[in-house]
Amino acid sequence: MILGHHPHVIQRPECVSGKPVFFSLGNHVFDQANPKTKEGMIADCRIRRGRLWCPSLRTHTESGTTFPRLTAPDHASSLVLATCTLEINAIHPD
């Protein structure tokens, strides 16, 4: 799994070589004026039945507050990541 950061806006995750890649999760808590910087994403990664599964949850911070709230699920990202489940047992440290 790869987690990127920095652009302050969400970039849609992808499945690259069978591994989930989150290029940018946007902002979860940030105080900028641009409306796009009020959107965030949480990589909700869990291990289920020996596989890494990473659906995404979206957040939004209303103007005038720094408290994000969960918003509707990101179905497009979830569809991409649904086929991207890494088998944990297959990972062998060298």
PDB file of N, CA and C in Angstrom:
ATOM      1  N   MET A   1       0.850  -1.157   0.000  1.00  0.00           N
ATOM      2  CA  MET A   1       0.000   0.000   0.000  1.00  0.00           C
ATOM      3  C   MET A   1       0.905   1.232   0.000  1.00  0.00           C
ATOM      4  N   ILE A   2       0.475   2.233  -0.756  1.00  0.00           N
ATOM      5  CA  ILE A   2       1.217   3.491  -0.812  1.00  0.00           C
ATOM      6  C   ILE A   2       0.267   4.622  -0.450  1.00  0.00           C
ATOM      7  N   LEU A   3       0.691   5.479   0.475  1.00  0.00           N
ATOM      8  CA  LEU A   3      -0.074   6.663   0.858  1.00  0.00           C
ATOM      9  C   LEU A   3       0.734   7.896   0.494  1.00  0.00           C
ATOM     10  N   GLY A   4       0.192   8.708  -0.407  1.00  0.00           N
ATOM     11  CA  GLY A   4       0.853   9.950  -0.784  1.00  0.00           C
ATOM     12  C   GLY A   4       0.250  11.103  -0.020  1.00  0.00           C
ATOM     13  N   HIS A   5       0.782  12.291  -0.244  1.00  0.00           N
ATOM     14  CA  HIS A   5       0.272  13.462   0.462  1.00  0.00           C
ATOM     15  C   HIS A   5       0.713  14.740  -0.234  1.00  0.00           C
ATOM     16  N   HIS A   6       0.331  15.849   0.287  1.00  0.00           N
ATOM     17  CA  HIS A   6       0.786  17.192   0.039  1.00  0.00           C
ATOM     18  C   HIS A   6      -0.084  18.086  -0.836  1.00  0.00           C
ATOM     19  N   PRO A   7      -0.734  17.679  -1.914  1.00  0.00           N
ATOM     20  CA  PRO A   7      -1.422  18.656  -2.757  1.00  0.00           C
ATOM     21  C   PRO A   7      -2.634  19.340  -2.108  1.00  0.00           C
ATOM     22  N   HIS A   8      -3.053  18.902  -0.932  1.00  0.00           N
ATOM     23  CA  HIS A   8      -4.187  19.489  -0.215  1.00  0.00           C
ATOM     24  C   HIS A   8      -5.529  19.249  -0.887  1.00  0.00           C
ATOM     25  N   VAL A   9      -5.572  18.478  -1.957  1.00  0.00           N
ATOM     26  CA  VAL A   9      -6.827  18.102  -2.607  1.00  0.00           C
ATOM     27  C   VAL A   9      -6.799  16.593  -2.848  1.00  0.00           C
ATOM     28  N   ILE A  10      -7.973  16.011  -2.903  1.00  0.00           N
ATOM     29  CA  ILE A  10      -8.071  14.561  -3.119  1.00  0.00           C
ATOM     30  C   ILE A  10      -7.668  14.219  -4.546  1.00  0.00           C
ATOM     31  N   GLN A  11      -6.872  13.173  -4.672  1.00  0.00           N
ATOM     32  CA  GLN A  11      -6.583  12.573  -5.977  1.00  0.00           C
ATOM     33  C   GLN A  11      -7.071  11.137  -5.889  1.00  0.00           C
ATOM     34  N   ARG A  12      -7.855  10.720  -6.866  1.00  0.00           N
ATOM     35  CA  ARG A  12      -8.503   9.419  -6.837  1.00  0.00           C
ATOM     36  C   ARG A  12      -7.481   8.287  -6.681  1.00  0.00           C
ATOM     37  N   PRO A  13      -7.731   7.375  -5.725  1.00  0.00           N
ATOM     38  CA  PRO A  13      -6.822   6.232  -5.548  1.00  0.00           C
ATOM     39  C   PRO A  13      -6.909   5.278  -6.735  1.00  0.00           C
ATOM     40  N   GLU A  14      -5.886   4.457  -6.881  1.00  0.00           N
ATOM     41  CA  GLU A  14      -5.830   3.469  -7.956  1.00  0.00           C
ATOM     42  C   GLU A  14      -5.288   2.160  -7.415  1.00  0.00           C
ATOM     43  N   CYS A  15      -5.482   1.121  -8.190  1.00  0.00           N
ATOM     44  CA  CYS A  15      -4.897  -0.183  -7.907  1.00  0.00           C
ATOM     45  C   CYS A  15      -3.723  -0.337  -8.875  1.00  0.00           C
ATOM     46  N   VAL A  16      -2.501  -0.370  -8.359  1.00  0.00           N
ATOM     47  CA  VAL A  16      -1.301  -0.460  -9.192  1.00  0.00           C
ATOM     48  C   VAL A  16      -0.585  -1.763  -8.856  1.00  0.00           C
ATOM     49  N   SER A  17      -0.471  -2.629  -9.828  1.00  0.00           N
ATOM     50  CA  SER A  17       0.165  -3.940  -9.642  1.00  0.00           C
ATOM     51  C   SER A  17      -0.437  -4.693  -8.459  1.00  0.00           C
ATOM     52  N   GLY A  18      -1.762  -4.590  -8.323  1.00  0.00           N
ATOM     53  CA  GLY A  18      -2.456  -5.322  -7.267  1.00  0.00           C
ATOM     54  C   GLY A  18      -2.367  -4.702  -5.885  1.00  0.00           C
ATOM     55  N   LYS A  19      -1.837  -3.472  -5.812  1.00  0.00           N
ATOM     56  CA  LYS A  19      -1.675  -2.806  -4.509  1.00  0.00           C
ATOM     57  C   LYS A  19      -2.420  -1.479  -4.510  1.00  0.00           C
ATOM     58  N   PRO A  20      -3.107  -1.146  -3.378  1.00  0.00           N
ATOM     59  CA  PRO A  20      -3.809   0.133  -3.318  1.00  0.00           C
ATOM     60  C   PRO A  20      -2.832   1.305  -3.203  1.00  0.00           C
ATOM     61  N   VAL A  21      -3.069   2.332  -4.013  1.00  0.00           N
ATOM     62  CA  VAL A  21      -2.238   3.530  -4.002  1.00  0.00           C
ATOM     63  C   VAL A  21      -3.153   4.733  -3.801  1.00  0.00           C
ATOM     64  N   PHE A  22      -2.939   5.440  -2.697  1.00  0.00           N
ATOM     65  CA  PHE A  22      -3.656   6.677  -2.412  1.00  0.00           C
ATOM     66  C   PHE A  22      -2.686   7.814  -2.689  1.00  0.00           C
ATOM     67  N   PHE A  23      -2.839   8.478  -3.836  1.00  0.00           N
ATOM     68  CA  PHE A  23      -1.894   9.521  -4.240  1.00  0.00           C
ATOM     69  C   PHE A  23      -1.975  10.736  -3.318  1.00  0.00           C
ATOM     70  N   SER A  24      -3.194  11.139  -2.971  1.00  0.00           N
ATOM     71  CA  SER A  24      -3.370  12.253  -2.043  1.00  0.00           C
ATOM     72  C   SER A  24      -4.714  12.101  -1.352  1.00  0.00           C
ATOM     73  N   LEU A  25      -4.691  12.159  -0.037  1.00  0.00           N
ATOM     74  CA  LEU A  25      -5.911  12.047   0.755  1.00  0.00           C
ATOM     75  C   LEU A  25      -6.544  13.412   1.006  1.00  0.00           C
ATOM     76  N   GLY A  26      -6.008  14.459   0.405  1.00  0.00           N
ATOM     77  CA  GLY A  26      -6.560  15.794   0.597  1.00  0.00           C
ATOM     78  C   GLY A  26      -6.311  16.274   2.009  1.00  0.00           C
ATOM     79  N   ASN A  27      -7.276  16.992   2.543  1.00  0.00           N
ATOM     80  CA  ASN A  27      -7.162  17.543   3.894  1.00  0.00           C
ATOM     81  C   ASN A  27      -8.239  16.954   4.785  1.00  0.00           C
ATOM     82  N   HIS A  28      -7.840  16.543   5.945  1.00  0.00           N
ATOM     83  CA  HIS A  28      -8.833  16.111   6.930  1.00  0.00           C
ATOM     84  C   HIS A  28      -9.157  17.302   7.828  1.00  0.00           C
ATOM     85  N   VAL A  29      -8.148  18.009   8.254  1.00  0.00           N
ATOM     86  CA  VAL A  29      -8.310  19.233   9.031  1.00  0.00           C
ATOM     87  C   VAL A  29      -7.305  20.239   8.475  1.00  0.00           C
ATOM     88  N   PHE A  30      -7.803  21.303   7.898  1.00  0.00           N
ATOM     89  CA  PHE A  30      -6.902  22.315   7.348  1.00  0.00           C
ATOM     90  C   PHE A  30      -7.673  23.606   7.211  1.00  0.00           C
ATOM     91  N   ASP A  31      -7.001  24.723   7.377  1.00  0.00           N
ATOM     92  CA  ASP A  31      -7.663  26.017   7.391  1.00  0.00           C
ATOM     93  C   ASP A  31      -7.276  26.841   6.162  1.00  0.00           C
ATOM     94  N   GLN A  32      -7.753  26.430   4.999  1.00  0.00           N
ATOM     95  CA  GLN A  32      -7.544  27.198   3.777  1.00  0.00           C
ATOM     96  C   GLN A  32      -8.901  27.640   3.245  1.00  0.00           C
ATOM     97  N   ALA A  33      -8.921  28.685   2.436  1.00  0.00           N
ATOM     98  CA  ALA A  33     -10.171  29.236   1.929  1.00  0.00           C
ATOM     99  C   ALA A  33     -10.724  28.474   0.723  1.00  0.00           C
ATOM    100  N   ASN A  34      -9.881  27.853  -0.091  1.00  0.00           N
ATOM    101  CA  ASN A  34     -10.332  27.162  -1.294  1.00  0.00           C
ATOM    102  C   ASN A  34     -11.266  26.014  -0.918  1.00  0.00           C
ATOM    103  N   PRO A  35     -12.488  25.964  -1.478  1.00  0.00           N
ATOM    104  CA  PRO A  35     -13.445  24.910  -1.122  1.00  0.00           C
ATOM    105  C   PRO A  35     -12.916  23.485  -1.330  1.00  0.00           C
ATOM    106  N   LYS A  36     -12.064  23.280  -2.331  1.00  0.00           N
ATOM    107  CA  LYS A  36     -11.535  21.928  -2.573  1.00  0.00           C
ATOM    108  C   LYS A  36     -10.651  21.448  -1.425  1.00  0.00           C
ATOM    109  N   THR A  37     -10.059  22.390  -0.673  1.00  0.00           N
ATOM    110  CA  THR A  37      -9.198  21.993   0.439  1.00  0.00           C
ATOM    111  C   THR A  37     -10.006  21.660   1.693  1.00  0.00           C
ATOM    112  N   LYS A  38     -11.310  21.744   1.609  1.00  0.00           N
ATOM    113  CA  LYS A  38     -12.191  21.355   2.719  1.00  0.00           C
ATOM    114  C   LYS A  38     -12.629  19.899   2.587  1.00  0.00           C
ATOM    115  N   GLU A  39     -12.167  19.227   1.523  1.00  0.00           N
ATOM    116  CA  GLU A  39     -12.514  17.828   1.268  1.00  0.00           C
ATOM    117  C   GLU A  39     -11.340  16.939   1.660  1.00  0.00           C
ATOM    118  N   GLY A  40     -11.642  15.818   2.270  1.00  0.00           N
ATOM    119  CA  GLY A  40     -10.602  14.876   2.652  1.00  0.00           C
ATOM    120  C   GLY A  40     -11.039  13.448   2.396  1.00  0.00           C
ATOM    121  N   MET A  41     -10.100  12.540   2.498  1.00  0.00           N
ATOM    122  CA  MET A  41     -10.383  11.121   2.313  1.00  0.00           C
ATOM    123  C   MET A  41      -9.627  10.345   3.389  1.00  0.00           C
ATOM    124  N   ILE A  42     -10.261   9.320   3.911  1.00  0.00           N
ATOM    125  CA  ILE A  42      -9.635   8.432   4.889  1.00  0.00           C
ATOM    126  C   ILE A  42      -9.428   7.081   4.218  1.00  0.00           C
ATOM    127  N   ALA A  43      -8.220   6.570   4.241  1.00  0.00           N
ATOM    128  CA  ALA A  43      -7.938   5.218   3.756  1.00  0.00           C
ATOM    129  C   ALA A  43      -8.276   4.273   4.912  1.00  0.00           C
ATOM    130  N   ASP A  44      -9.432   3.652   4.842  1.00  0.00           N
ATOM    131  CA  ASP A  44      -9.948   2.800   5.921  1.00  0.00           C
ATOM    132  C   ASP A  44      -9.470   1.363   5.702  1.00  0.00           C
ATOM    133  N   CYS A  45      -8.161   1.138   5.857  1.00  0.00           N
ATOM    134  CA  CYS A  45      -7.555  -0.154   5.549  1.00  0.00           C
ATOM    135  C   CYS A  45      -7.705  -1.136   6.710  1.00  0.00           C
ATOM    136  N   ARG A  46      -8.073  -2.354   6.344  1.00  0.00           N
ATOM    137  CA  ARG A  46      -8.270  -3.420   7.330  1.00  0.00           C
ATOM    138  C   ARG A  46      -7.801  -4.747   6.738  1.00  0.00           C
ATOM    139  N   ILE A  47      -7.485  -5.661   7.620  1.00  0.00           N
ATOM    140  CA  ILE A  47      -7.134  -7.011   7.172  1.00  0.00           C
ATOM    141  C   ILE A  47      -8.351  -7.888   7.413  1.00  0.00           C
ATOM    142  N   ARG A  48      -8.835  -8.516   6.342  1.00  0.00           N
ATOM    143  CA  ARG A  48      -9.981  -9.416   6.411  1.00  0.00           C
ATOM    144  C   ARG A  48      -9.622 -10.727   5.735  1.00  0.00           C
ATOM    145  N   ARG A  49      -9.755 -11.795   6.480  1.00  0.00           N
ATOM    146  CA  ARG A  49      -9.475 -13.143   5.947  1.00  0.00           C
ATOM    147  C   ARG A  49      -8.121 -13.218   5.240  1.00  0.00           C
ATOM    148  N   GLY A  50      -7.096 -12.607   5.851  1.00  0.00           N
ATOM    149  CA  GLY A  50      -5.736 -12.678   5.307  1.00  0.00           C
ATOM    150  C   GLY A  50      -5.470 -11.754   4.138  1.00  0.00           C
ATOM    151  N   ARG A  51      -6.387 -10.802   3.859  1.00  0.00           N
ATOM    152  CA  ARG A  51      -6.200  -9.877   2.749  1.00  0.00           C
ATOM    153  C   ARG A  51      -6.334  -8.438   3.238  1.00  0.00           C
ATOM    154  N   LEU A  52      -5.502  -7.560   2.683  1.00  0.00           N
ATOM    155  CA  LEU A  52      -5.589  -6.137   2.969  1.00  0.00           C
ATOM    156  C   LEU A  52      -6.692  -5.555   2.089  1.00  0.00           C
ATOM    157  N   TRP A  53      -7.643  -4.883   2.697  1.00  0.00           N
ATOM    158  CA  TRP A  53      -8.779  -4.300   1.996  1.00  0.00           C
ATOM    159  C   TRP A  53      -8.852  -2.837   2.385  1.00  0.00           C
ATOM    160  N   CYS A  54      -8.924  -1.921   1.421  1.00  0.00           N
ATOM    161  CA  CYS A  54      -8.819  -0.483   1.705  1.00  0.00           C
ATOM    162  C   CYS A  54      -9.931   0.333   1.042  1.00  0.00           C
ATOM    163  N   PRO A  55     -11.132   0.305   1.589  1.00  0.00           N
ATOM    164  CA  PRO A  55     -12.134   1.232   1.064  1.00  0.00           C
ATOM    165  C   PRO A  55     -11.795   2.656   1.504  1.00  0.00           C
ATOM    166  N   SER A  56     -12.422   3.632   0.881  1.00  0.00           N
ATOM    167  CA  SER A  56     -12.140   5.020   1.247  1.00  0.00           C
ATOM    168  C   SER A  56     -13.401   5.679   1.785  1.00  0.00           C
ATOM    169  N   LEU A  57     -13.191   6.559   2.745  1.00  0.00           N
ATOM    170  CA  LEU A  57     -14.267   7.343   3.331  1.00  0.00           C
ATOM    171  C   LEU A  57     -13.983   8.812   3.035  1.00  0.00           C
ATOM    172  N   ARG A  58     -15.000   9.559   2.686  1.00  0.00           N
ATOM    173  CA  ARG A  58     -14.829  10.981   2.392  1.00  0.00           C
ATOM    174  C   ARG A  58     -15.201  11.821   3.603  1.00  0.00           C
ATOM    175  N   THR A  59     -14.504  12.955   3.761  1.00  0.00           N
ATOM    176  CA  THR A  59     -14.828  13.914   4.816  1.00  0.00           C
ATOM    177  C   THR A  59     -14.994  15.297   4.206  1.00  0.00           C
ATOM    178  N   HIS A  60     -15.691  16.143   4.932  1.00  0.00           N
ATOM    179  CA  HIS A  60     -15.870  17.542   4.525  1.00  0.00           C
ATOM    180  C   HIS A  60     -15.829  18.400   5.782  1.00  0.00           C
ATOM    181  N   THR A  61     -15.122  19.516   5.702  1.00  0.00           N
ATOM    182  CA  THR A  61     -15.067  20.474   6.805  1.00  0.00           C
ATOM    183  C   THR A  61     -15.818  21.733   6.373  1.00  0.00           C
ATOM    184  N   GLU A  62     -16.879  22.055   7.077  1.00  0.00           N
ATOM    185  CA  GLU A  62     -17.681  23.240   6.760  1.00  0.00           C
ATOM    186  C   GLU A  62     -16.856  24.507   6.979  1.00  0.00           C
ATOM    187  N   SER A  63     -17.184  25.544   6.246  1.00  0.00           N
ATOM    188  CA  SER A  63     -16.543  26.840   6.417  1.00  0.00           C
ATOM    189  C   SER A  63     -16.808  27.343   7.835  1.00  0.00           C
ATOM    190  N   GLY A  64     -15.795  27.905   8.462  1.00  0.00           N
ATOM    191  CA  GLY A  64     -15.933  28.444   9.810  1.00  0.00           C
ATOM    192  C   GLY A  64     -15.677  27.438  10.918  1.00  0.00           C
ATOM    193  N   THR A  65     -15.344  26.207  10.562  1.00  0.00           N
ATOM    194  CA  THR A  65     -15.044  25.189  11.566  1.00  0.00           C
ATOM    195  C   THR A  65     -13.813  24.398  11.140  1.00  0.00           C
ATOM    196  N   THR A  66     -13.203  23.709  12.076  1.00  0.00           N
ATOM    197  CA  THR A  66     -12.072  22.829  11.754  1.00  0.00           C
ATOM    198  C   THR A  66     -12.415  21.380  12.067  1.00  0.00           C
ATOM    199  N   PHE A  67     -13.712  21.096  12.278  1.00  0.00           N
ATOM    200  CA  PHE A  67     -14.147  19.738  12.596  1.00  0.00           C
ATOM    201  C   PHE A  67     -14.718  19.060  11.362  1.00  0.00           C
ATOM    202  N   PRO A  68     -13.992  18.086  10.803  1.00  0.00           N
ATOM    203  CA  PRO A  68     -14.511  17.392   9.613  1.00  0.00           C
ATOM    204  C   PRO A  68     -15.649  16.443  10.001  1.00  0.00           C
ATOM    205  N   ARG A  69     -16.488  16.147   9.026  1.00  0.00           N
ATOM    206  CA  ARG A  69     -17.537  15.151   9.221  1.00  0.00           C
ATOM    207  C   ARG A  69     -17.486  14.179   8.048  1.00  0.00           C
ATOM    208  N   LEU A  70     -17.910  12.954   8.313  1.00  0.00           N
ATOM    209  CA  LEU A  70     -17.981  11.979   7.228  1.00  0.00           C
ATOM    210  C   LEU A  70     -19.087  12.370   6.271  1.00  0.00           C
ATOM    211  N   THR A  71     -18.847  12.163   4.988  1.00  0.00           N
ATOM    212  CA  THR A  71     -19.855  12.446   3.972  1.00  0.00           C
ATOM    213  C   THR A  71     -20.245  11.133   3.301  1.00  0.00           C
ATOM    214  N   ALA A  72     -20.952  11.220   2.207  1.00  0.00           N
ATOM    215  CA  ALA A  72     -21.381  10.028   1.483  1.00  0.00           C
ATOM    216  C   ALA A  72     -20.162   9.225   1.028  1.00  0.00           C
ATOM    217  N   PRO A  73     -20.301   7.908   0.950  1.00  0.00           N
ATOM    218  CA  PRO A  73     -19.187   7.072   0.484  1.00  0.00           C
ATOM    219  C   PRO A  73     -18.747   7.470  -0.927  1.00  0.00           C
ATOM    220  N   ASP A  74     -17.474   7.277  -1.208  1.00  0.00           N
ATOM    221  CA  ASP A  74     -16.925   7.544  -2.536  1.00  0.00           C
ATOM    222  C   ASP A  74     -17.028   6.251  -3.336  1.00  0.00           C
ATOM    223  N   HIS A  75     -18.157   6.074  -4.026  1.00  0.00           N
ATOM    224  CA  HIS A  75     -18.411   4.816  -4.730  1.00  0.00           C
ATOM    225  C   HIS A  75     -17.418   4.560  -5.857  1.00  0.00           C
ATOM    226  N   ALA A  76     -16.996   5.608  -6.570  1.00  0.00           N
ATOM    227  CA  ALA A  76     -16.046   5.422  -7.670  1.00  0.00           C
ATOM    228  C   ALA A  76     -14.713   4.883  -7.155  1.00  0.00           C
ATOM    229  N   SER A  77     -14.216   5.459  -6.064  1.00  0.00           N
ATOM    230  CA  SER A  77     -12.956   4.977  -5.478  1.00  0.00           C
ATOM    231  C   SER A  77     -13.129   3.574  -4.920  1.00  0.00           C
ATOM    232  N   SER A  78     -14.259   3.337  -4.287  1.00  0.00           N
ATOM    233  CA  SER A  78     -14.499   2.014  -3.707  1.00  0.00           C
ATOM    234  C   SER A  78     -14.541   0.931  -4.781  1.00  0.00           C
ATOM    235  N   LEU A  79     -15.110   1.238  -5.937  1.00  0.00           N
ATOM    236  CA  LEU A  79     -15.141   0.265  -7.039  1.00  0.00           C
ATOM    237  C   LEU A  79     -13.735  -0.067  -7.521  1.00  0.00           C
ATOM    238  N   VAL A  80     -12.903   0.961  -7.660  1.00  0.00           N
ATOM    239  CA  VAL A  80     -11.514   0.745  -8.103  1.00  0.00           C
ATOM    240  C   VAL A  80     -10.769  -0.113  -7.086  1.00  0.00           C
ATOM    241  N   LEU A  81     -10.949   0.200  -5.807  1.00  0.00           N
ATOM    242  CA  LEU A  81     -10.194  -0.492  -4.761  1.00  0.00           C
ATOM    243  C   LEU A  81     -10.780  -1.839  -4.369  1.00  0.00           C
ATOM    244  N   ALA A  82     -12.025  -2.123  -4.762  1.00  0.00           N
ATOM    245  CA  ALA A  82     -12.661  -3.396  -4.407  1.00  0.00           C
ATOM    246  C   ALA A  82     -11.928  -4.593  -5.009  1.00  0.00           C
ATOM    247  N   THR A  83     -11.321  -4.406  -6.154  1.00  0.00           N
ATOM    248  CA  THR A  83     -10.590  -5.491  -6.810  1.00  0.00           C
ATOM    249  C   THR A  83      -9.120  -5.494  -6.428  1.00  0.00           C
ATOM    250  N   CYS A  84      -8.748  -4.606  -5.538  1.00  0.00           N
ATOM    251  CA  CYS A  84      -7.352  -4.429  -5.164  1.00  0.00           C
ATOM    252  C   CYS A  84      -7.153  -4.884  -3.716  1.00  0.00           C
ATOM    253  N   THR A  85      -7.213  -6.179  -3.505  1.00  0.00           N
ATOM    254  CA  THR A  85      -7.032  -6.714  -2.159  1.00  0.00           C
ATOM    255  C   THR A  85      -5.754  -7.535  -2.145  1.00  0.00           C
ATOM    256  N   LEU A  86      -4.811  -7.080  -1.394  1.00  0.00           N
ATOM    257  CA  LEU A  86      -3.498  -7.709  -1.323  1.00  0.00           C
ATOM    258  C   LEU A  86      -3.509  -8.845  -0.310  1.00  0.00           C
ATOM    259  N   GLU A  87      -3.061 -10.033  -0.722  1.00  0.00           N
ATOM    260  CA  GLU A  87      -2.985 -11.165   0.188  1.00  0.00           C
ATOM    261  C   GLU A  87      -1.811 -10.956   1.136  1.00  0.00           C
ATOM    262  N   ILE A  88      -2.105 -10.836   2.413  1.00  0.00           N
ATOM    263  CA  ILE A  88      -1.079 -10.563   3.425  1.00  0.00           C
ATOM    264  C   ILE A  88      -0.132 -11.749   3.586  1.00  0.00           C
ATOM    265  N   ASN A  89      -0.644 -12.956   3.505  1.00  0.00           N
ATOM    266  CA  ASN A  89       0.185 -14.157   3.662  1.00  0.00           C
ATOM    267  C   ASN A  89       1.230 -14.289   2.553  1.00  0.00           C
ATOM    268  N   ALA A  90       1.025 -13.593   1.436  1.00  0.00           N
ATOM    269  CA  ALA A  90       1.952 -13.701   0.313  1.00  0.00           C
ATOM    270  C   ALA A  90       3.169 -12.798   0.471  1.00  0.00           C
ATOM    271  N   ILE A  91       3.162 -11.930   1.476  1.00  0.00           N
ATOM    272  CA  ILE A  91       4.278 -11.012   1.685  1.00  0.00           C
ATOM    273  C   ILE A  91       5.339 -11.698   2.535  1.00  0.00           C
ATOM    274  N   HIS A  92       6.550 -11.798   1.975  1.00  0.00           N
ATOM    275  CA  HIS A  92       7.647 -12.444   2.685  1.00  0.00           C
ATOM    276  C   HIS A  92       8.803 -11.465   2.792  1.00  0.00           C
ATOM    277  N   PRO A  93       9.193 -11.082   4.006  1.00  0.00           N
ATOM    278  CA  PRO A  93      10.347 -10.168   4.141  1.00  0.00           C
ATOM    279  C   PRO A  93      11.629 -10.853   3.715  1.00  0.00           C
ATOM    280  N   ASP A  94      12.470 -10.115   3.039  1.00  0.00           N
ATOM    281  CA  ASP A  94      13.760 -10.662   2.592  1.00  0.00           C
ATOM    282  C   ASP A  94      14.882 -10.201   3.489  1.00  0.00           C
TER     283      ASP A  94
END
